[in-house]
N, C-alpha and C. Protein backbone atom coordinates (compact mmCIF):
# COMPACT_ATOMS: atom_id res chain seq x y z
N MET A 1 -38.96 131.74 -2.42
CA MET A 1 -38.40 130.68 -3.06
C MET A 1 -39.12 129.38 -2.65
N LEU A 2 -39.42 128.66 -3.63
CA LEU A 2 -40.28 127.36 -3.42
C LEU A 2 -39.17 126.22 -3.60
N SER A 3 -39.15 125.30 -2.57
CA SER A 3 -38.39 124.16 -2.73
C SER A 3 -39.17 122.88 -2.62
N LEU A 4 -39.13 121.97 -3.51
CA LEU A 4 -39.82 120.75 -3.50
C LEU A 4 -38.88 119.55 -3.81
N TYR A 5 -38.86 118.62 -2.95
CA TYR A 5 -37.91 117.43 -3.12
C TYR A 5 -38.80 116.12 -3.03
N SER A 6 -38.46 115.16 -3.67
CA SER A 6 -39.02 113.81 -3.46
C SER A 6 -38.36 113.27 -2.17
N GLY A 7 -39.12 112.28 -1.65
CA GLY A 7 -38.58 111.57 -0.48
C GLY A 7 -37.27 110.82 -0.67
N THR A 8 -36.51 110.68 0.31
CA THR A 8 -35.31 110.03 0.37
C THR A 8 -35.50 108.47 0.36
N PRO A 9 -34.71 107.70 -0.32
CA PRO A 9 -34.88 106.20 -0.30
C PRO A 9 -34.53 105.58 1.04
N PHE A 10 -35.11 104.42 1.36
CA PHE A 10 -34.80 103.78 2.55
C PHE A 10 -35.00 102.20 2.28
N TRP A 11 -34.48 101.41 3.18
CA TRP A 11 -34.69 99.92 3.07
C TRP A 11 -35.17 99.41 4.46
N ILE A 12 -35.65 98.22 4.45
CA ILE A 12 -36.20 97.58 5.74
C ILE A 12 -35.01 96.67 6.22
N SER A 13 -34.64 96.92 7.39
CA SER A 13 -33.59 96.13 7.94
C SER A 13 -34.10 95.00 8.93
N ALA A 14 -33.35 94.03 9.10
CA ALA A 14 -33.80 92.95 10.15
C ALA A 14 -32.52 92.62 10.99
N PRO A 15 -32.78 92.07 12.14
CA PRO A 15 -31.72 91.74 13.05
C PRO A 15 -30.69 90.80 12.31
N ALA A 16 -29.33 91.08 12.42
CA ALA A 16 -28.28 90.38 11.70
C ALA A 16 -27.85 89.11 12.50
N THR A 17 -28.57 88.72 13.53
CA THR A 17 -28.08 87.51 14.30
C THR A 17 -28.19 86.20 13.51
N SER A 18 -29.19 86.17 12.61
CA SER A 18 -29.23 84.88 11.78
C SER A 18 -28.18 84.93 10.65
N LEU A 19 -27.67 86.07 10.38
CA LEU A 19 -26.69 86.14 9.24
C LEU A 19 -25.34 85.70 9.69
N ASN A 20 -24.99 86.10 10.95
CA ASN A 20 -23.74 85.82 11.59
C ASN A 20 -22.60 86.29 10.77
N ALA A 21 -22.73 87.53 10.29
CA ALA A 21 -21.67 88.23 9.46
C ALA A 21 -21.57 89.71 10.08
N PRO A 22 -20.73 89.87 11.09
CA PRO A 22 -20.66 91.22 11.64
C PRO A 22 -20.27 92.29 10.69
N GLY A 23 -20.94 93.42 10.75
CA GLY A 23 -20.70 94.59 9.87
C GLY A 23 -21.48 94.48 8.59
N SER A 24 -22.24 93.48 8.28
CA SER A 24 -22.96 93.26 7.11
C SER A 24 -24.43 93.70 7.42
N PRO A 25 -25.13 94.46 6.64
CA PRO A 25 -26.43 94.81 6.88
C PRO A 25 -27.34 93.60 6.46
N GLN A 26 -28.31 93.33 7.23
CA GLN A 26 -29.31 92.34 7.00
C GLN A 26 -30.57 92.96 6.58
N LEU A 27 -31.08 92.55 5.43
CA LEU A 27 -32.35 93.10 4.90
C LEU A 27 -33.50 92.14 5.34
N ALA A 28 -34.65 92.58 5.46
CA ALA A 28 -35.78 91.85 5.78
C ALA A 28 -36.22 91.02 4.59
N ASP A 29 -37.07 89.95 4.80
CA ASP A 29 -37.74 89.33 3.68
C ASP A 29 -38.96 90.13 3.23
N GLN A 30 -39.14 90.33 1.86
CA GLN A 30 -40.30 90.94 1.34
C GLN A 30 -41.32 89.84 0.94
N VAL A 31 -42.35 89.75 1.64
CA VAL A 31 -43.26 88.66 1.44
C VAL A 31 -44.43 88.99 0.64
N LYS A 32 -44.67 90.31 0.27
CA LYS A 32 -45.68 90.66 -0.69
C LYS A 32 -44.99 91.24 -1.92
N PRO A 33 -45.53 91.11 -3.10
CA PRO A 33 -44.85 91.67 -4.38
C PRO A 33 -44.76 93.14 -4.33
N ASP A 34 -45.88 93.78 -3.95
CA ASP A 34 -45.85 95.28 -3.92
C ASP A 34 -46.12 95.75 -2.52
N VAL A 35 -45.50 96.81 -2.14
CA VAL A 35 -45.63 97.39 -0.80
C VAL A 35 -46.44 98.68 -1.01
N GLU A 36 -47.60 98.63 -0.28
CA GLU A 36 -48.53 99.87 -0.37
C GLU A 36 -48.06 100.95 0.51
N ILE A 37 -47.89 102.22 -0.03
CA ILE A 37 -47.44 103.36 0.78
C ILE A 37 -48.86 104.07 1.30
N TYR A 38 -49.15 104.02 2.56
CA TYR A 38 -50.24 104.73 3.07
C TYR A 38 -50.04 106.31 3.21
N GLY A 39 -48.86 106.65 3.56
CA GLY A 39 -48.47 108.12 3.66
C GLY A 39 -48.87 108.63 5.00
N ALA A 40 -49.23 107.86 6.10
CA ALA A 40 -49.55 108.39 7.28
C ALA A 40 -48.39 108.94 8.09
N HIS A 41 -48.54 109.93 8.84
CA HIS A 41 -47.55 110.51 9.65
C HIS A 41 -47.91 110.50 11.15
N GLY A 42 -46.99 110.18 11.98
CA GLY A 42 -47.20 110.16 13.36
C GLY A 42 -47.34 108.72 13.90
N LEU A 43 -47.82 108.60 15.20
CA LEU A 43 -47.74 107.33 15.87
C LEU A 43 -49.06 106.54 15.83
N ALA A 44 -50.09 107.16 15.13
CA ALA A 44 -51.31 106.44 15.01
C ALA A 44 -51.38 105.23 13.98
N SER A 45 -50.73 105.38 12.86
CA SER A 45 -50.82 104.36 11.80
C SER A 45 -49.52 104.44 11.00
N PRO A 46 -49.08 103.36 10.31
CA PRO A 46 -47.81 103.29 9.64
C PRO A 46 -47.81 104.02 8.38
N TYR A 47 -46.64 104.34 7.93
CA TYR A 47 -46.44 105.09 6.59
C TYR A 47 -46.63 104.10 5.58
N PHE A 48 -46.25 102.78 5.72
CA PHE A 48 -46.32 101.80 4.58
C PHE A 48 -46.86 100.52 5.22
N ASP A 49 -47.17 99.54 4.29
CA ASP A 49 -47.71 98.26 4.75
C ASP A 49 -46.66 97.41 5.40
N THR A 50 -46.67 97.38 6.72
CA THR A 50 -45.57 96.62 7.44
C THR A 50 -45.76 95.16 7.32
N SER A 51 -46.89 94.74 6.93
CA SER A 51 -47.10 93.23 6.84
C SER A 51 -46.47 92.66 5.50
N ALA A 52 -45.84 93.55 4.73
CA ALA A 52 -45.29 93.26 3.49
C ALA A 52 -43.76 92.60 3.66
N PHE A 53 -43.37 92.71 4.96
CA PHE A 53 -41.99 92.28 5.34
C PHE A 53 -42.04 91.33 6.51
N ALA A 54 -41.08 90.56 6.60
CA ALA A 54 -40.94 89.50 7.65
C ALA A 54 -39.39 89.42 7.98
N PRO A 55 -39.05 89.07 9.33
CA PRO A 55 -37.73 88.92 9.65
C PRO A 55 -37.14 87.68 8.95
N VAL A 56 -35.92 87.64 8.85
CA VAL A 56 -35.10 86.49 8.28
C VAL A 56 -34.86 85.58 9.53
N THR A 57 -35.14 84.24 9.24
CA THR A 57 -34.93 83.33 10.33
C THR A 57 -33.92 82.22 10.06
N THR A 58 -33.41 82.24 8.83
CA THR A 58 -32.39 81.27 8.54
C THR A 58 -31.07 81.96 8.08
N VAL A 59 -29.92 81.23 7.98
CA VAL A 59 -28.72 81.85 7.63
C VAL A 59 -28.56 82.16 6.11
N ARG A 60 -29.05 83.46 5.83
CA ARG A 60 -29.10 83.92 4.50
C ARG A 60 -29.40 85.46 4.54
N PHE A 61 -29.19 86.10 3.41
CA PHE A 61 -29.59 87.56 3.29
C PHE A 61 -31.09 87.60 3.05
N GLY A 62 -31.73 88.72 3.40
CA GLY A 62 -33.18 88.91 3.07
C GLY A 62 -33.39 89.14 1.73
N THR A 63 -34.68 89.01 1.33
CA THR A 63 -35.09 89.12 -0.11
C THR A 63 -35.51 90.50 -0.56
N SER A 64 -35.62 91.50 0.48
CA SER A 64 -35.96 92.81 0.03
C SER A 64 -34.65 93.42 -0.52
N SER A 65 -34.80 94.57 -1.11
CA SER A 65 -33.59 95.34 -1.77
C SER A 65 -33.22 96.59 -1.08
N PHE A 66 -32.05 97.04 -1.23
CA PHE A 66 -31.64 98.33 -0.68
C PHE A 66 -32.52 99.48 -1.54
N ASP A 67 -32.74 100.53 -0.71
CA ASP A 67 -33.49 101.70 -1.26
C ASP A 67 -34.65 101.34 -2.20
N SER A 68 -35.39 100.34 -1.69
CA SER A 68 -36.67 100.00 -2.29
C SER A 68 -37.89 100.84 -2.11
N LEU A 69 -37.80 101.63 -1.10
CA LEU A 69 -38.96 102.54 -0.84
C LEU A 69 -38.52 103.92 -0.62
N ARG A 70 -39.42 104.93 -0.81
CA ARG A 70 -39.17 106.37 -0.60
C ARG A 70 -39.96 106.96 0.49
N GLY A 71 -39.34 107.71 1.28
CA GLY A 71 -39.96 108.40 2.36
C GLY A 71 -40.88 109.57 1.90
N PRO A 72 -41.44 110.37 2.88
CA PRO A 72 -42.19 111.52 2.43
C PRO A 72 -41.41 112.59 1.78
N GLY A 73 -42.07 113.30 0.92
CA GLY A 73 -41.33 114.45 0.26
C GLY A 73 -41.13 115.60 1.10
N TYR A 74 -40.48 116.65 0.61
CA TYR A 74 -40.12 117.85 1.37
C TYR A 74 -40.59 119.00 0.59
N GLY A 75 -41.31 119.92 1.14
CA GLY A 75 -41.90 121.13 0.62
C GLY A 75 -41.59 122.35 1.50
N ASN A 76 -41.14 123.47 0.88
CA ASN A 76 -40.99 124.71 1.71
C ASN A 76 -41.07 125.91 0.85
N LEU A 77 -41.79 126.95 1.39
CA LEU A 77 -41.93 128.22 0.56
C LEU A 77 -41.39 129.26 1.49
N ASP A 78 -40.45 130.03 0.96
CA ASP A 78 -39.93 131.19 1.68
C ASP A 78 -40.25 132.50 0.90
N PHE A 79 -40.45 133.61 1.43
CA PHE A 79 -40.85 134.82 0.81
C PHE A 79 -40.08 135.93 1.42
N GLY A 80 -39.64 136.98 0.57
CA GLY A 80 -38.92 138.07 0.96
C GLY A 80 -39.51 139.31 0.20
N LEU A 81 -39.47 140.42 0.95
CA LEU A 81 -39.95 141.72 0.39
C LEU A 81 -38.97 142.71 0.67
N PHE A 82 -38.44 143.46 -0.37
CA PHE A 82 -37.31 144.36 -0.13
C PHE A 82 -37.74 145.76 -0.75
N ARG A 83 -37.35 146.84 -0.12
CA ARG A 83 -37.65 148.11 -0.52
C ARG A 83 -36.40 149.03 -0.27
N ALA A 84 -35.90 149.51 -1.36
CA ALA A 84 -34.63 150.35 -1.24
C ALA A 84 -35.09 151.89 -1.53
N PHE A 85 -34.60 152.82 -0.71
CA PHE A 85 -34.85 154.18 -1.01
C PHE A 85 -33.75 155.03 -0.47
N GLY A 86 -33.50 156.24 -1.12
CA GLY A 86 -32.49 157.13 -0.78
C GLY A 86 -32.88 158.08 0.32
N ILE A 87 -31.81 158.38 1.17
CA ILE A 87 -31.92 159.33 2.24
C ILE A 87 -30.91 160.37 1.96
N GLY A 88 -31.13 161.44 1.45
CA GLY A 88 -30.19 162.49 1.13
C GLY A 88 -29.47 162.09 -0.12
N GLU A 89 -28.27 162.70 -0.31
CA GLU A 89 -27.42 162.47 -1.46
C GLU A 89 -26.51 161.22 -1.40
N ARG A 90 -26.01 160.93 -0.19
CA ARG A 90 -24.97 159.82 -0.11
C ARG A 90 -25.54 158.62 0.68
N LEU A 91 -26.66 158.71 1.28
CA LEU A 91 -27.10 157.68 2.22
C LEU A 91 -28.32 156.94 1.60
N ASN A 92 -28.17 155.57 1.55
CA ASN A 92 -29.26 154.74 0.95
C ASN A 92 -29.71 153.77 2.08
N ALA A 93 -31.05 153.38 2.07
CA ALA A 93 -31.39 152.45 3.03
C ALA A 93 -32.15 151.39 2.26
N GLN A 94 -32.19 150.18 2.86
CA GLN A 94 -32.95 149.08 2.27
C GLN A 94 -33.69 148.39 3.48
N PHE A 95 -34.97 148.34 3.42
CA PHE A 95 -35.82 147.67 4.44
C PHE A 95 -36.19 146.33 3.83
N ARG A 96 -36.10 145.35 4.69
CA ARG A 96 -36.49 143.94 4.22
C ARG A 96 -37.21 143.17 5.24
N ILE A 97 -38.19 142.46 4.76
CA ILE A 97 -38.85 141.49 5.69
C ILE A 97 -38.97 140.23 4.94
N GLU A 98 -38.55 139.09 5.64
CA GLU A 98 -38.54 137.71 5.10
C GLU A 98 -39.33 136.82 5.93
N ALA A 99 -40.03 135.94 5.27
CA ALA A 99 -40.78 135.00 5.88
C ALA A 99 -40.30 133.59 5.52
N PHE A 100 -40.01 132.70 6.47
CA PHE A 100 -39.58 131.42 6.16
C PHE A 100 -40.51 130.35 6.60
N ASN A 101 -40.79 129.42 5.74
CA ASN A 101 -41.88 128.42 5.80
C ASN A 101 -43.17 129.04 5.92
N VAL A 102 -43.54 129.83 4.99
CA VAL A 102 -44.79 130.71 4.92
C VAL A 102 -45.93 129.93 5.20
N THR A 103 -46.06 128.72 4.53
CA THR A 103 -47.22 127.85 4.71
C THR A 103 -47.32 127.13 6.03
N ASN A 104 -46.23 127.21 6.83
CA ASN A 104 -46.12 126.47 8.01
C ASN A 104 -46.44 124.93 7.95
N HIS A 105 -45.86 124.44 6.77
CA HIS A 105 -45.96 123.01 6.43
C HIS A 105 -45.05 122.17 7.19
N PRO A 106 -45.37 121.12 7.86
CA PRO A 106 -44.35 120.27 8.45
C PRO A 106 -43.83 119.32 7.32
N ASN A 107 -42.55 118.95 7.59
CA ASN A 107 -41.82 117.98 6.74
C ASN A 107 -41.26 116.85 7.61
N PHE A 108 -41.60 115.66 7.19
CA PHE A 108 -41.38 114.44 8.04
C PHE A 108 -40.12 113.75 7.57
N ASN A 109 -39.47 113.06 8.55
CA ASN A 109 -38.35 112.24 8.23
C ASN A 109 -38.96 110.83 7.70
N ASN A 110 -37.99 109.94 7.38
CA ASN A 110 -38.37 108.65 6.99
C ASN A 110 -38.88 107.85 8.14
N PRO A 111 -39.68 106.86 7.96
CA PRO A 111 -40.15 105.99 9.09
C PRO A 111 -39.17 105.20 9.66
N ASP A 112 -39.44 104.51 10.70
CA ASP A 112 -38.52 103.59 11.50
C ASP A 112 -38.53 102.34 10.54
N THR A 113 -37.25 101.93 10.17
CA THR A 113 -37.08 100.83 9.27
C THR A 113 -36.64 99.45 9.83
N GLY A 114 -36.50 99.41 11.18
CA GLY A 114 -36.10 98.16 11.82
C GLY A 114 -37.33 97.25 12.07
N ILE A 115 -37.33 96.09 11.47
CA ILE A 115 -38.53 95.30 11.55
C ILE A 115 -38.80 94.78 12.89
N SER A 116 -37.87 94.81 13.79
CA SER A 116 -38.04 94.27 15.20
C SER A 116 -38.25 95.44 16.12
N ASP A 117 -38.25 96.68 15.69
CA ASP A 117 -38.45 97.91 16.50
C ASP A 117 -39.81 98.00 16.87
N PRO A 118 -40.23 98.55 17.99
CA PRO A 118 -41.66 98.81 18.42
C PRO A 118 -42.30 99.89 17.46
N ASP A 119 -41.51 100.80 16.96
CA ASP A 119 -42.08 101.84 16.20
C ASP A 119 -41.98 101.47 14.62
N PHE A 120 -41.77 100.23 14.20
CA PHE A 120 -41.60 99.86 12.79
C PHE A 120 -42.68 100.45 12.03
N GLY A 121 -42.24 101.21 10.92
CA GLY A 121 -43.18 101.74 10.02
C GLY A 121 -43.78 103.10 10.32
N LEU A 122 -43.54 103.53 11.56
CA LEU A 122 -44.13 104.82 12.07
C LEU A 122 -43.12 105.86 11.90
N ILE A 123 -43.58 107.12 11.56
CA ILE A 123 -42.70 108.44 11.46
C ILE A 123 -42.88 109.07 12.76
N THR A 124 -41.67 109.19 13.38
CA THR A 124 -41.68 109.66 14.78
C THR A 124 -40.90 111.00 14.93
N SER A 125 -40.43 111.63 13.73
CA SER A 125 -39.68 112.97 13.92
C SER A 125 -39.96 113.69 12.59
N MET A 126 -39.64 115.04 12.69
CA MET A 126 -39.84 115.93 11.66
C MET A 126 -38.37 116.31 11.12
N ASN A 127 -38.47 116.70 9.81
CA ASN A 127 -37.25 117.15 9.08
C ASN A 127 -37.31 118.61 8.93
N PRO A 128 -36.58 119.48 9.71
CA PRO A 128 -36.72 120.94 9.60
C PRO A 128 -35.94 121.39 8.33
N GLY A 129 -35.30 120.70 7.63
CA GLY A 129 -34.52 121.10 6.34
C GLY A 129 -33.21 121.83 6.72
N SER A 130 -33.06 122.96 6.22
CA SER A 130 -31.73 123.64 6.47
C SER A 130 -31.77 124.42 7.82
N ARG A 131 -32.79 124.61 8.32
CA ARG A 131 -32.99 125.41 9.66
C ARG A 131 -33.19 124.50 10.82
N LEU A 132 -32.95 125.00 11.88
CA LEU A 132 -33.18 124.17 13.07
C LEU A 132 -34.53 124.14 13.65
N ILE A 133 -35.42 124.92 13.18
CA ILE A 133 -36.83 124.85 13.48
C ILE A 133 -37.64 124.61 12.35
N ALA A 134 -38.84 124.02 12.51
CA ALA A 134 -39.59 123.57 11.42
C ALA A 134 -40.86 124.65 11.26
N GLY A 135 -41.09 125.46 12.25
CA GLY A 135 -42.30 126.36 12.17
C GLY A 135 -41.99 127.56 11.30
N ARG A 136 -43.10 128.27 11.07
CA ARG A 136 -42.97 129.60 10.36
C ARG A 136 -42.34 130.70 11.21
N TYR A 137 -41.37 131.50 10.62
CA TYR A 137 -40.85 132.55 11.36
C TYR A 137 -40.50 133.67 10.42
N PHE A 138 -40.41 134.88 10.99
CA PHE A 138 -40.25 136.18 10.21
C PHE A 138 -38.95 136.83 10.65
N GLN A 139 -38.34 137.57 9.67
CA GLN A 139 -37.18 138.29 9.99
C GLN A 139 -37.32 139.61 9.37
N VAL A 140 -36.95 140.69 10.10
CA VAL A 140 -37.05 142.03 9.65
C VAL A 140 -35.56 142.64 9.71
N GLY A 141 -35.10 143.45 8.68
CA GLY A 141 -33.92 144.07 8.64
C GLY A 141 -33.88 145.34 8.00
N LEU A 142 -32.81 146.14 8.37
CA LEU A 142 -32.62 147.46 7.72
C LEU A 142 -31.13 147.64 7.38
N LYS A 143 -30.90 147.91 6.13
CA LYS A 143 -29.50 147.98 5.78
C LYS A 143 -29.22 149.43 5.31
N LEU A 144 -28.06 150.06 5.76
CA LEU A 144 -27.73 151.37 5.53
C LEU A 144 -26.50 151.35 4.81
N THR A 145 -26.41 152.04 3.59
CA THR A 145 -25.08 152.19 2.91
C THR A 145 -24.82 153.57 2.65
N PHE A 146 -23.59 154.03 2.80
CA PHE A 146 -23.14 155.40 2.63
C PHE A 146 -21.80 155.49 1.90
């Protein structure tokens, strides 16, 4: 089974101290008309152009918008092979082998979105999807019916 998903949306947040409205999210100011997506993963370089945003310094909401950017996409390929055969008149067996994340492709979470965070714009974690591990693994099974 092949699963492909687009990235999840996110927005850039700023400290809400200038807003002075507890419980209200503060958006950062967008200072460039377009935000370039570099697509980098890890701690070496940012996922997007972090210089396109600035913290808010006056009492107002920021100029960027909610869900204005999308994170990295998700892709996964699972494979299964099944073989059924009869053993005698009343006994049947099914042998199965399944491989999950066959391509051993990593899927990354959204980058850090807090403009005042030290990891702003960096992707620091992986998204394992529906399983708790992100690596390739195999499963072998035998089913007997009578």
